[in-house]
Amino acid sequence: MNTFFEILFFGFIVYAFYFMFTFKTKKEKEYEKKLKKSLEDEFIIDPETGTKLTLEEAESGHWIAHDNEFRTIPETELENLPTEDEKIAERALNYLRKSKDYRKTKLTDEQLDIFEKTKILNSYDDWHYSNPFEFKNGIVFLPAPELHGMTYYQDTYCESHLMYWIKIDNINGHYFFREKSSGEKFLDLLRKDDELEINDYECFTLKKSHNIILIKNLLKNFENQKGLEIEIDNDNLFIKTTKLVNLDDIYKIENIIKNVC
């Protein structure tokens, strides 16, 4: 009799562990359903160009992109993407792909060297990039900065943001602005030590400029704007978002650039 209960108890323990490791939330089940549907398609989409490829072409590594730089992914195909974040990012990329104001490009070694020296990207542990476009006033691309050792639950943070680079009048100085932490906001109540001020942004002076009036006029375009990192380095203006690439941020930065240029 004891043996029967021992077997029953052992079976219960095995079932409990099985349930624990195989249980899926409603969100996880929906993700797997969409992923399975996307894998059942006879083609995949190259994220760099938007080109639709057969599985054979993707595996071979050889295909013709037809030089269609304005290629977009139809909304019906976007709906098959597994997550909402992927849909948001691809809709933003669709905007850049189809707009006649943007043209797909490749970053040169000289341009990459400039980006690698920015305070913005050097503030992260590492970064890579994708989807560079050029436009009348400069370049936009998608850097994916990494932060390591975030929390117990998230070891590494990494997602694609937006970063714009445009040319401005030379200020002969170097400044970096990012949104203030709660601690910095509190300290500012006791003592304001920033050389230049934008609401809710901390100013880091890397090289002082004597052209303060020009800088202040430039910074007026960023008043009441949230979620940005801004760097002014001589005749270079860099503007980067701090969350996943999306259409609202593109519109926001486009409006800023219209006033700056």
Protein backbone atom coordinates (compact mmCIF):
# COMPACT_ATOMS: atom_id res chain seq x y z
CA MET A 1 0.00 0.00 0.00
CA ASN A 2 2.82 2.37 0.89
CA THR A 3 4.46 1.54 -2.42
CA PHE A 4 1.29 2.57 -4.26
CA PHE A 5 1.22 5.96 -2.53
CA GLU A 6 4.93 6.42 -3.15
CA ILE A 7 4.41 5.77 -6.86
CA LEU A 8 1.41 8.10 -6.87
CA PHE A 9 3.38 10.80 -5.08
CA PHE A 10 6.34 10.37 -7.44
CA GLY A 11 3.99 10.63 -10.43
CA PHE A 12 2.51 13.84 -9.01
CA ILE A 13 5.99 15.36 -8.59
CA VAL A 14 6.93 14.44 -12.18
CA TYR A 15 3.68 15.98 -13.48
CA ALA A 16 4.22 19.15 -11.44
CA PHE A 17 7.72 19.62 -12.87
CA TYR A 18 6.44 18.90 -16.38
CA PHE A 19 3.67 21.47 -15.98
CA MET A 20 6.09 24.03 -14.54
CA PHE A 21 8.52 23.81 -17.46
CA THR A 22 5.96 23.49 -20.28
CA PHE A 23 3.33 25.97 -19.12
CA LYS A 24 2.92 28.88 -21.54
CA THR A 25 1.08 32.15 -21.02
CA LYS A 26 -1.54 33.39 -23.47
CA LYS A 27 0.99 35.88 -24.84
CA GLU A 28 3.60 33.15 -25.40
CA LYS A 29 1.06 30.93 -27.16
CA GLU A 30 0.03 33.82 -29.45
CA TYR A 31 3.69 34.53 -30.26
CA GLU A 32 4.32 30.87 -31.18
CA LYS A 33 1.18 30.80 -33.32
CA LYS A 34 2.29 33.85 -35.33
CA LEU A 35 5.86 32.57 -35.57
CA LYS A 36 4.62 29.23 -36.90
CA LYS A 37 2.45 31.01 -39.47
CA SER A 38 5.35 33.18 -40.66
CA LEU A 39 7.58 30.09 -40.99
CA GLU A 40 4.93 28.37 -43.10
CA ASP A 41 5.22 31.09 -45.77
CA GLU A 42 7.16 30.19 -48.88
CA PHE A 43 9.34 33.29 -48.55
CA ILE A 44 11.17 35.40 -46.00
CA ILE A 45 11.93 39.12 -45.98
CA ASP A 46 15.45 40.51 -45.97
CA PRO A 47 15.34 43.08 -43.10
CA GLU A 48 18.05 45.23 -44.72
CA THR A 49 16.36 45.78 -48.09
CA GLY A 50 12.78 44.58 -47.72
CA THR A 51 13.43 42.12 -50.57
CA LYS A 52 11.15 39.06 -50.58
CA LEU A 53 13.23 35.88 -50.87
CA THR A 54 12.39 32.24 -51.35
CA LEU A 55 13.87 29.88 -48.77
CA GLU A 56 16.18 28.48 -51.46
CA GLU A 57 17.51 31.97 -52.29
CA ALA A 58 18.08 32.79 -48.63
CA GLU A 59 19.96 29.55 -48.05
CA SER A 60 22.13 30.03 -51.14
CA GLY A 61 23.08 33.59 -50.22
CA HIS A 62 22.65 34.68 -53.86
CA TRP A 63 19.71 36.73 -55.08
CA ILE A 64 18.85 39.81 -57.12
CA ALA A 65 17.48 42.74 -55.12
CA HIS A 66 16.30 44.53 -58.31
CA ASP A 67 17.87 47.76 -56.97
CA ASN A 68 14.49 48.75 -55.53
CA GLU A 69 15.49 51.05 -52.69
CA PHE A 70 11.90 52.08 -51.95
CA ARG A 71 10.76 48.50 -51.39
CA THR A 72 8.26 48.25 -48.53
CA ILE A 73 6.68 45.36 -46.70
CA PRO A 74 2.87 45.20 -47.22
CA GLU A 75 0.72 45.65 -44.14
CA THR A 76 -0.79 42.19 -44.66
CA GLU A 77 2.70 40.69 -44.32
CA LEU A 78 3.55 42.88 -41.33
CA GLU A 79 0.58 41.40 -39.49
CA ASN A 80 2.28 38.01 -39.65
CA LEU A 81 5.27 39.23 -37.64
CA PRO A 82 5.36 37.53 -34.22
CA THR A 83 5.56 40.61 -31.95
CA GLU A 84 4.12 44.10 -31.80
CA ASP A 85 7.63 45.57 -31.47
CA GLU A 86 8.63 44.04 -34.81
CA LYS A 87 5.54 45.55 -36.45
CA ILE A 88 6.31 49.01 -35.00
CA ALA A 89 9.92 48.88 -36.19
CA GLU A 90 9.05 47.64 -39.69
CA ARG A 91 6.37 50.32 -40.15
CA ALA A 92 8.98 52.94 -39.33
CA LEU A 93 11.41 51.34 -41.80
CA ASN A 94 8.66 51.24 -44.43
CA TYR A 95 8.34 55.01 -44.08
CA LEU A 96 12.06 55.47 -44.76
CA ARG A 97 12.05 52.95 -47.61
CA LYS A 98 9.17 54.49 -49.54
CA SER A 99 9.95 58.17 -48.92
CA LYS A 100 11.66 59.94 -51.83
CA ASP A 101 13.48 62.07 -49.24
CA TYR A 102 15.55 59.08 -48.09
CA ARG A 103 17.88 56.91 -50.13
CA LYS A 104 19.42 53.64 -49.01
CA THR A 105 23.18 53.98 -48.59
CA LYS A 106 26.26 52.34 -47.07
CA LEU A 107 28.29 53.99 -44.35
CA THR A 108 31.89 54.63 -45.32
CA ASP A 109 34.83 53.87 -43.04
CA GLU A 110 35.24 57.62 -42.46
CA GLN A 111 31.58 58.00 -41.43
CA LEU A 112 31.76 54.99 -39.13
CA ASP A 113 34.87 56.46 -37.54
CA ILE A 114 32.94 59.65 -36.79
CA PHE A 115 30.08 57.71 -35.18
CA GLU A 116 32.47 55.58 -33.15
CA LYS A 117 33.94 58.75 -31.62
CA THR A 118 30.59 60.21 -30.54
CA LYS A 119 29.89 60.56 -26.85
CA ILE A 120 26.38 59.24 -27.51
CA LEU A 121 27.46 55.80 -28.71
CA ASN A 122 30.47 55.62 -26.40
CA SER A 123 28.06 55.86 -23.46
CA TYR A 124 27.01 52.25 -24.17
CA ASP A 125 28.92 49.01 -23.65
CA ASP A 126 28.76 48.17 -27.34
CA TRP A 127 26.67 48.84 -30.45
CA HIS A 128 26.01 47.69 -33.99
CA TYR A 129 23.84 49.21 -36.68
CA SER A 130 21.59 48.58 -39.68
CA ASN A 131 19.56 50.39 -42.35
CA PRO A 132 21.57 53.53 -43.14
CA PHE A 133 19.78 56.12 -45.32
CA GLU A 134 20.99 59.45 -46.65
CA PHE A 135 18.80 62.51 -47.11
CA LYS A 136 19.29 66.12 -48.18
CA ASN A 137 20.66 67.30 -44.84
CA GLY A 138 22.54 64.24 -43.61
CA ILE A 139 22.32 60.58 -42.64
CA VAL A 140 19.98 58.47 -40.52
CA PHE A 141 20.61 54.89 -39.43
CA LEU A 142 19.52 52.41 -36.77
CA PRO A 143 22.13 51.89 -34.05
CA ALA A 144 21.44 49.04 -31.64
CA PRO A 145 23.28 50.02 -28.44
CA GLU A 146 23.98 47.41 -25.77
CA LEU A 147 24.01 47.74 -21.99
CA HIS A 148 25.35 44.70 -20.16
CA GLY A 149 24.42 43.44 -16.69
CA MET A 150 21.16 45.36 -16.53
CA THR A 151 19.23 43.38 -13.88
CA TYR A 152 18.95 39.88 -12.46
CA TYR A 153 16.23 39.18 -15.02
CA GLN A 154 17.81 40.96 -18.02
CA ASP A 155 21.51 40.48 -18.60
CA THR A 156 21.79 42.61 -21.75
CA TYR A 157 19.67 45.42 -23.15
CA CYS A 158 19.76 45.83 -26.94
CA GLU A 159 17.23 47.25 -29.40
CA SER A 160 17.35 49.39 -32.54
CA HIS A 161 17.03 53.16 -32.06
CA LEU A 162 17.18 56.06 -34.54
CA MET A 163 20.22 58.27 -34.97
CA TYR A 164 20.40 61.34 -37.23
CA TRP A 165 23.55 63.17 -38.24
CA ILE A 166 23.35 66.60 -39.87
CA LYS A 167 25.79 69.42 -40.55
CA ILE A 168 25.36 72.79 -38.78
CA ASP A 169 27.28 76.03 -38.44
CA ASN A 170 30.54 75.39 -36.59
CA ILE A 171 30.27 76.20 -32.88
CA ASN A 172 33.91 75.30 -32.12
CA GLY A 173 32.85 73.29 -29.09
CA HIS A 174 31.59 69.90 -27.96
CA TYR A 175 28.45 69.29 -25.85
CA PHE A 176 26.41 66.22 -24.94
CA PHE A 177 22.85 66.23 -23.59
CA ARG A 178 20.80 63.36 -22.16
CA GLU A 179 17.65 63.23 -20.04
CA LYS A 180 18.25 63.81 -16.33
CA SER A 181 17.95 61.06 -13.77
CA SER A 182 15.76 61.69 -10.72
CA GLY A 183 18.92 62.25 -8.66
CA GLU A 184 20.21 64.89 -11.07
CA LYS A 185 16.86 66.67 -10.99
CA PHE A 186 17.04 66.80 -7.19
CA LEU A 187 20.61 68.13 -7.17
CA ASP A 188 19.63 70.84 -9.65
CA LEU A 189 17.16 72.14 -7.10
CA LEU A 190 20.13 72.78 -4.79
CA ARG A 191 22.64 73.94 -7.36
CA LYS A 192 22.52 74.49 -11.11
CA ASP A 193 25.90 73.67 -12.60
CA ASP A 194 25.10 73.10 -16.28
CA GLU A 195 26.72 75.52 -18.70
CA LEU A 196 23.74 75.21 -21.07
CA GLU A 197 20.17 74.28 -20.20
CA ILE A 198 17.36 72.39 -21.88
CA ASN A 199 14.35 71.40 -19.80
CA ASP A 200 14.90 67.97 -18.18
CA TYR A 201 18.26 67.45 -19.90
CA GLU A 202 21.69 67.19 -18.30
CA CYS A 203 24.47 69.09 -20.10
CA PHE A 204 28.00 67.71 -20.35
CA THR A 205 30.57 70.20 -21.60
CA LEU A 206 33.38 68.33 -23.35
CA LYS A 207 34.87 71.40 -24.99
CA LYS A 208 33.70 74.95 -24.28
CA SER A 209 32.54 77.11 -27.15
CA HIS A 210 32.61 80.90 -27.38
CA ASN A 211 29.62 80.82 -29.74
CA ILE A 212 27.04 80.44 -26.95
CA ILE A 213 24.31 82.46 -28.70
CA LEU A 214 24.37 80.11 -31.69
CA ILE A 215 24.15 77.06 -29.42
CA LYS A 216 21.26 78.50 -27.39
CA ASN A 217 19.31 79.26 -30.56
CA LEU A 218 19.92 75.71 -31.72
CA LEU A 219 18.80 74.21 -28.41
CA LYS A 220 15.46 76.07 -28.54
CA ASN A 221 14.38 73.45 -31.08
CA PHE A 222 14.68 70.75 -28.41
CA GLU A 223 12.61 72.43 -25.69
CA ASN A 224 9.90 70.10 -24.34
CA GLN A 225 11.14 67.19 -26.45
CA LYS A 226 11.47 63.87 -24.61
CA GLY A 227 13.42 60.67 -25.15
CA LEU A 228 16.46 62.02 -26.99
CA GLU A 229 20.23 62.11 -26.71
CA ILE A 230 21.80 65.15 -28.36
CA GLU A 231 25.42 65.86 -29.23
CA ILE A 232 26.89 68.99 -30.79
CA ASP A 233 30.50 68.57 -31.91
CA ASN A 234 31.86 71.56 -33.87
CA ASP A 235 29.82 71.44 -37.13
CA ASN A 236 28.12 68.09 -36.39
CA LEU A 237 24.72 67.62 -34.78
CA PHE A 238 23.78 64.09 -33.67
CA ILE A 239 20.27 63.24 -32.46
CA LYS A 240 19.47 59.76 -31.14
CA THR A 241 16.27 58.32 -29.70
CA THR A 242 16.30 56.18 -26.56
CA LYS A 243 13.68 53.56 -27.41
CA LEU A 244 12.73 51.19 -30.21
CA VAL A 245 12.59 52.83 -33.64
CA ASN A 246 9.06 54.09 -34.37
CA LEU A 247 7.20 56.50 -36.66
CA ASP A 248 6.45 59.12 -33.98
CA ASP A 249 10.15 59.61 -33.29
CA ILE A 250 10.89 59.97 -37.01
CA TYR A 251 8.24 62.68 -37.33
CA LYS A 252 9.56 64.42 -34.21
CA ILE A 253 13.16 64.57 -35.42
CA GLU A 254 12.13 65.56 -38.94
CA ASN A 255 10.34 68.60 -37.50
CA ILE A 256 13.41 69.53 -35.45
CA ILE A 257 15.68 69.26 -38.49
CA LYS A 258 13.37 71.47 -40.58
CA ASN A 259 13.88 74.26 -38.05
CA VAL A 260 17.61 73.65 -37.64
CA CYS A 261 18.58 73.58 -41.34
